[in-house]
Amino acid sequence: MSDAAPVLRLSGITKAYNRGLPSEVQVLRGVDLTVGRGEVVALVAPSGAGKSTLLHIAGLLDAPDDGTVEIVGEPMQGRSDRRRTATRRSEVGFVYQFHHLLPEFSALENITLPQYANGVAASEAEARARTLLDSVGIAARADHRPAAMSGGEQQRVAFCRAMANQPRLLLADEPTGNLDPDTSDQVFNALMTLVRDTGLSALVATHNLELAARMDRRVRLEGGMLLAAD
């Protein structure tokens, strides 16, 4: 991996579902995108436009039909499943519209578990989890389970979980889409503070144009192609 390379580079990405059938749907048509170090890019598109598919490909959860994906300068095409999984685990963090926290575990445990999977010692994992919770203003909720927290608090825990293994790329799919406007604004501010403080790069899918305008750059997915936003 090259320290001079962009954190994410997508080149000529295509993706279709039901290929070869009358019901074939071409979702992505030659998408090119680069996310630089420390850059926060808004991916603007309505529901059903393919932004989740693009994020899944960028995060190595899905493979394109054609095109290449590079994470921190390393091409992922042709890599073994083990290598792709290792890269995803160490370099990429994910946040979704719904927090997907494990309900039987506390906020602290939801953040320490991904670290254990990466071989981090328990004391170090817990210390990092508490630091992350403090950075988004909910340190006092560390021992609460998701059901005892508000929607905004749960999403902040989800941000911390995504950051647990110190990735270099954050992929967020409508991270405030399930929240009311006031809570959405508070949670977005917490996310941006976390990203800026760590120097993380981020690709954030949203249909909220107000939030998109607060990021470094905006791109628009339309007709399966990526365009510079107006």
Protein backbone atom coordinates (compact mmCIF):
# COMPACT_ATOMS: atom_id res chain seq x y z
CA MET A 1 0.00 0.00 0.00
CA SER A 2 1.21 3.47 -0.87
CA ASP A 3 1.00 6.36 1.56
CA ALA A 4 0.76 8.73 -1.42
CA ALA A 5 -2.21 6.95 -2.99
CA PRO A 6 -5.82 8.07 -2.60
CA VAL A 7 -7.67 6.18 0.10
CA LEU A 8 -10.27 5.03 -2.44
CA ARG A 9 -10.13 4.83 -6.22
CA LEU A 10 -12.94 3.38 -8.32
CA SER A 11 -12.31 3.05 -12.05
CA GLY A 12 -14.86 2.02 -14.68
CA ILE A 13 -17.20 0.34 -12.21
CA THR A 14 -20.21 -1.39 -13.79
CA LYS A 15 -22.88 -3.48 -12.10
CA ALA A 16 -26.06 -5.10 -13.40
CA TYR A 17 -28.60 -7.36 -11.75
CA ASN A 18 -30.34 -10.25 -13.53
CA ARG A 19 -27.66 -10.16 -16.20
CA GLY A 20 -28.66 -11.72 -19.51
CA LEU A 21 -32.34 -11.82 -18.59
CA PRO A 22 -35.18 -9.67 -19.92
CA SER A 23 -35.40 -8.17 -16.43
CA GLU A 24 -31.72 -7.06 -16.43
CA VAL A 25 -31.17 -3.78 -14.62
CA GLN A 26 -27.97 -1.83 -15.27
CA VAL A 27 -27.28 -0.06 -11.97
CA LEU A 28 -23.78 1.36 -12.48
CA ARG A 29 -22.37 2.37 -15.86
CA GLY A 30 -18.64 3.04 -15.73
CA VAL A 31 -18.32 4.92 -12.43
CA ASP A 32 -15.00 6.67 -11.71
CA LEU A 33 -14.40 8.15 -8.26
CA THR A 34 -11.39 9.08 -6.15
CA VAL A 35 -11.52 9.97 -2.44
CA GLY A 36 -8.35 11.63 -1.21
CA ARG A 37 -6.79 11.51 2.23
CA GLY A 38 -8.84 13.42 4.77
CA GLU A 39 -11.52 14.21 2.17
CA VAL A 40 -15.24 13.91 2.92
CA VAL A 41 -17.29 13.32 -0.24
CA ALA A 42 -21.08 13.44 -0.41
CA LEU A 43 -22.68 10.90 -2.74
CA VAL A 44 -26.05 12.41 -3.61
CA ALA A 45 -28.77 10.27 -5.13
CA PRO A 46 -32.43 9.41 -4.54
CA SER A 47 -33.47 6.03 -3.19
CA GLY A 48 -33.05 3.26 -5.74
CA ALA A 49 -30.37 5.06 -7.77
CA GLY A 50 -27.63 2.57 -6.86
CA LYS A 51 -25.72 4.40 -4.14
CA SER A 52 -25.89 1.46 -1.74
CA THR A 53 -24.59 -0.83 -4.48
CA LEU A 54 -21.71 1.57 -5.11
CA LEU A 55 -20.86 1.70 -1.40
CA HIS A 56 -20.93 -2.08 -1.14
CA ILE A 57 -18.51 -2.35 -4.05
CA ALA A 58 -16.25 0.35 -2.59
CA GLY A 59 -16.24 -1.49 0.74
CA LEU A 60 -15.50 -4.89 -0.81
CA LEU A 61 -18.85 -6.33 0.23
CA ASP A 62 -19.78 -6.87 -3.42
CA ALA A 63 -17.78 -7.21 -6.63
CA PRO A 64 -18.31 -5.13 -9.79
CA ASP A 65 -19.03 -6.76 -13.12
CA ASP A 66 -16.21 -4.67 -14.59
CA GLY A 67 -13.79 -2.05 -13.32
CA THR A 68 -11.28 -1.83 -10.51
CA VAL A 69 -11.33 -0.95 -6.82
CA GLU A 70 -8.20 0.28 -5.04
CA ILE A 71 -8.01 0.74 -1.27
CA VAL A 72 -5.03 2.87 -0.19
CA GLY A 73 -3.29 2.08 -3.45
CA GLU A 74 -3.84 -1.68 -3.40
CA PRO A 75 -5.90 -3.13 -6.28
CA MET A 76 -8.50 -5.53 -4.93
CA GLN A 77 -9.34 -7.39 -8.14
CA GLY A 78 -7.93 -10.90 -8.09
CA ARG A 79 -7.22 -10.83 -4.37
CA SER A 80 -8.28 -13.85 -2.32
CA ASP A 81 -11.39 -13.66 -0.12
CA ARG A 82 -9.10 -13.74 2.92
CA ARG A 83 -7.09 -10.78 1.67
CA ARG A 84 -10.22 -8.78 0.81
CA THR A 85 -11.68 -9.52 4.23
CA ALA A 86 -8.46 -8.46 5.97
CA THR A 87 -8.39 -5.19 4.00
CA ARG A 88 -12.04 -4.50 4.72
CA ARG A 89 -11.57 -5.20 8.43
CA SER A 90 -8.49 -3.01 8.83
CA GLU A 91 -9.06 -0.18 6.34
CA VAL A 92 -12.83 0.32 6.02
CA GLY A 93 -15.55 1.31 8.48
CA PHE A 94 -19.26 1.12 7.69
CA VAL A 95 -22.24 3.11 8.98
CA TYR A 96 -25.80 2.43 7.81
CA GLN A 97 -29.13 4.21 8.09
CA PHE A 98 -30.16 1.74 10.78
CA HIS A 99 -27.54 1.27 13.47
CA HIS A 100 -27.55 -2.58 13.49
CA LEU A 101 -26.13 -2.68 17.02
CA LEU A 102 -26.14 -6.03 18.80
CA PRO A 103 -29.08 -5.64 21.22
CA GLU A 104 -27.77 -7.99 23.91
CA PHE A 105 -24.53 -6.04 24.32
CA SER A 106 -23.82 -2.63 25.85
CA ALA A 107 -22.58 0.36 23.85
CA LEU A 108 -19.06 -0.34 25.10
CA GLU A 109 -19.24 -4.01 24.12
CA ASN A 110 -20.57 -3.18 20.65
CA ILE A 111 -17.39 -1.15 20.08
CA THR A 112 -14.94 -3.57 21.67
CA LEU A 113 -16.14 -6.68 19.81
CA PRO A 114 -14.82 -5.63 16.36
CA GLN A 115 -11.47 -4.91 17.99
CA TYR A 116 -11.30 -8.37 19.51
CA ALA A 117 -11.90 -9.81 16.03
CA ASN A 118 -8.84 -7.82 14.92
CA GLY A 119 -6.67 -9.22 17.71
CA VAL A 120 -6.69 -6.18 20.02
CA ALA A 121 -6.21 -6.86 23.73
CA ALA A 122 -9.25 -6.36 25.97
CA SER A 123 -7.79 -3.47 27.98
CA GLU A 124 -6.74 -1.59 24.84
CA ALA A 125 -10.08 -2.24 23.13
CA GLU A 126 -12.04 -0.94 26.11
CA ALA A 127 -9.86 2.16 26.44
CA ARG A 128 -10.37 3.00 22.76
CA ALA A 129 -14.11 2.38 23.01
CA ARG A 130 -14.42 4.77 25.95
CA THR A 131 -12.37 7.42 24.14
CA LEU A 132 -14.60 7.16 21.08
CA LEU A 133 -17.80 7.36 23.13
CA ASP A 134 -16.44 10.43 24.89
CA SER A 135 -15.58 12.05 21.56
CA VAL A 136 -19.23 11.88 20.46
CA GLY A 137 -20.56 13.02 23.83
CA ILE A 138 -22.09 9.82 25.18
CA ALA A 139 -19.42 8.43 27.50
CA ALA A 140 -22.04 8.17 30.24
CA ARG A 141 -24.01 5.68 28.13
CA ALA A 142 -21.16 3.16 27.84
CA ASP A 143 -22.90 0.47 29.90
CA HIS A 144 -26.36 0.93 28.37
CA ARG A 145 -27.80 -1.50 25.88
CA PRO A 146 -29.26 -0.11 22.62
CA ALA A 147 -32.87 -0.41 23.82
CA ALA A 148 -32.08 2.02 26.65
CA MET A 149 -30.69 4.67 24.29
CA SER A 150 -32.31 7.16 21.92
CA GLY A 151 -32.04 6.78 18.16
CA GLY A 152 -29.41 9.50 17.99
CA GLU A 153 -27.36 7.88 20.75
CA GLN A 154 -27.55 4.50 19.05
CA GLN A 155 -26.30 5.98 15.79
CA ARG A 156 -23.39 7.64 17.60
CA VAL A 157 -22.46 4.23 18.99
CA ALA A 158 -22.62 2.90 15.43
CA PHE A 159 -20.16 5.64 14.36
CA CYS A 160 -17.81 4.62 17.16
CA ARG A 161 -18.07 0.97 16.18
CA ALA A 162 -17.18 1.88 12.58
CA MET A 163 -14.10 3.69 13.90
CA ALA A 164 -13.09 0.97 16.35
CA ASN A 165 -10.30 -0.54 14.24
CA GLN A 166 -8.96 2.83 13.12
CA PRO A 167 -9.86 2.49 9.43
CA ARG A 168 -8.69 4.98 6.84
CA LEU A 169 -11.97 5.01 4.93
CA LEU A 170 -15.50 5.46 6.28
CA LEU A 171 -18.45 4.49 4.09
CA ALA A 172 -21.77 5.83 5.37
CA ASP A 173 -25.14 5.01 3.78
CA GLU A 174 -27.79 7.59 4.76
CA PRO A 175 -26.34 7.72 8.31
CA THR A 176 -28.95 10.24 9.52
CA GLY A 177 -31.84 9.15 7.31
CA ASN A 178 -33.76 7.51 10.14
CA LEU A 179 -33.61 10.52 12.48
CA ASP A 180 -35.70 13.65 12.96
CA PRO A 181 -34.16 16.90 11.62
CA ASP A 182 -32.81 18.19 14.93
CA THR A 183 -31.31 14.86 15.93
CA SER A 184 -29.99 14.39 12.38
CA ASP A 185 -28.09 17.66 12.63
CA GLN A 186 -26.60 16.78 16.02
CA VAL A 187 -25.56 13.30 14.88
CA PHE A 188 -24.08 14.62 11.64
CA ASN A 189 -22.02 17.14 13.60
CA ALA A 190 -20.76 14.33 15.84
CA LEU A 191 -19.81 12.29 12.78
CA MET A 192 -17.96 15.17 11.14
CA THR A 193 -16.09 15.97 14.36
CA LEU A 194 -15.02 12.34 14.64
CA VAL A 195 -13.90 12.25 11.00
CA ARG A 196 -11.99 15.55 11.16
CA ASP A 197 -10.28 14.73 14.45
CA THR A 198 -8.95 11.44 13.08
CA GLY A 199 -8.03 12.62 9.55
CA LEU A 200 -10.31 9.95 8.14
CA SER A 201 -11.55 9.91 4.55
CA ALA A 202 -15.28 9.39 4.06
CA LEU A 203 -17.81 8.72 1.33
CA VAL A 204 -21.27 9.58 2.65
CA ALA A 205 -24.40 8.67 0.68
CA THR A 206 -27.29 11.00 1.35
CA HIS A 207 -30.33 12.58 -0.25
CA ASN A 208 -30.14 15.46 2.25
CA LEU A 209 -28.76 18.34 0.18
CA GLU A 210 -28.22 20.55 3.25
CA LEU A 211 -25.92 17.98 4.84
CA ALA A 212 -24.21 17.29 1.51
CA ALA A 213 -23.36 20.99 1.17
CA ARG A 214 -21.35 20.80 4.40
CA MET A 215 -18.93 18.20 3.03
CA ASP A 216 -15.78 18.87 1.01
CA ARG A 217 -17.15 17.77 -2.34
CA ARG A 218 -20.40 16.49 -3.81
CA VAL A 219 -20.96 13.97 -6.58
CA ARG A 220 -24.31 12.89 -8.00
CA LEU A 221 -25.33 9.41 -9.13
CA GLU A 222 -27.75 9.64 -12.03
CA GLY A 223 -28.66 7.01 -14.60
CA GLY A 224 -25.89 4.78 -13.29
CA MET A 225 -23.22 7.42 -13.92
CA LEU A 226 -21.39 9.67 -11.51
CA LEU A 227 -21.52 13.40 -12.18
CA ALA A 228 -20.17 16.46 -10.39
CA ALA A 229 -22.98 17.87 -8.26
CA ASP A 230 -24.41 21.28 -9.10
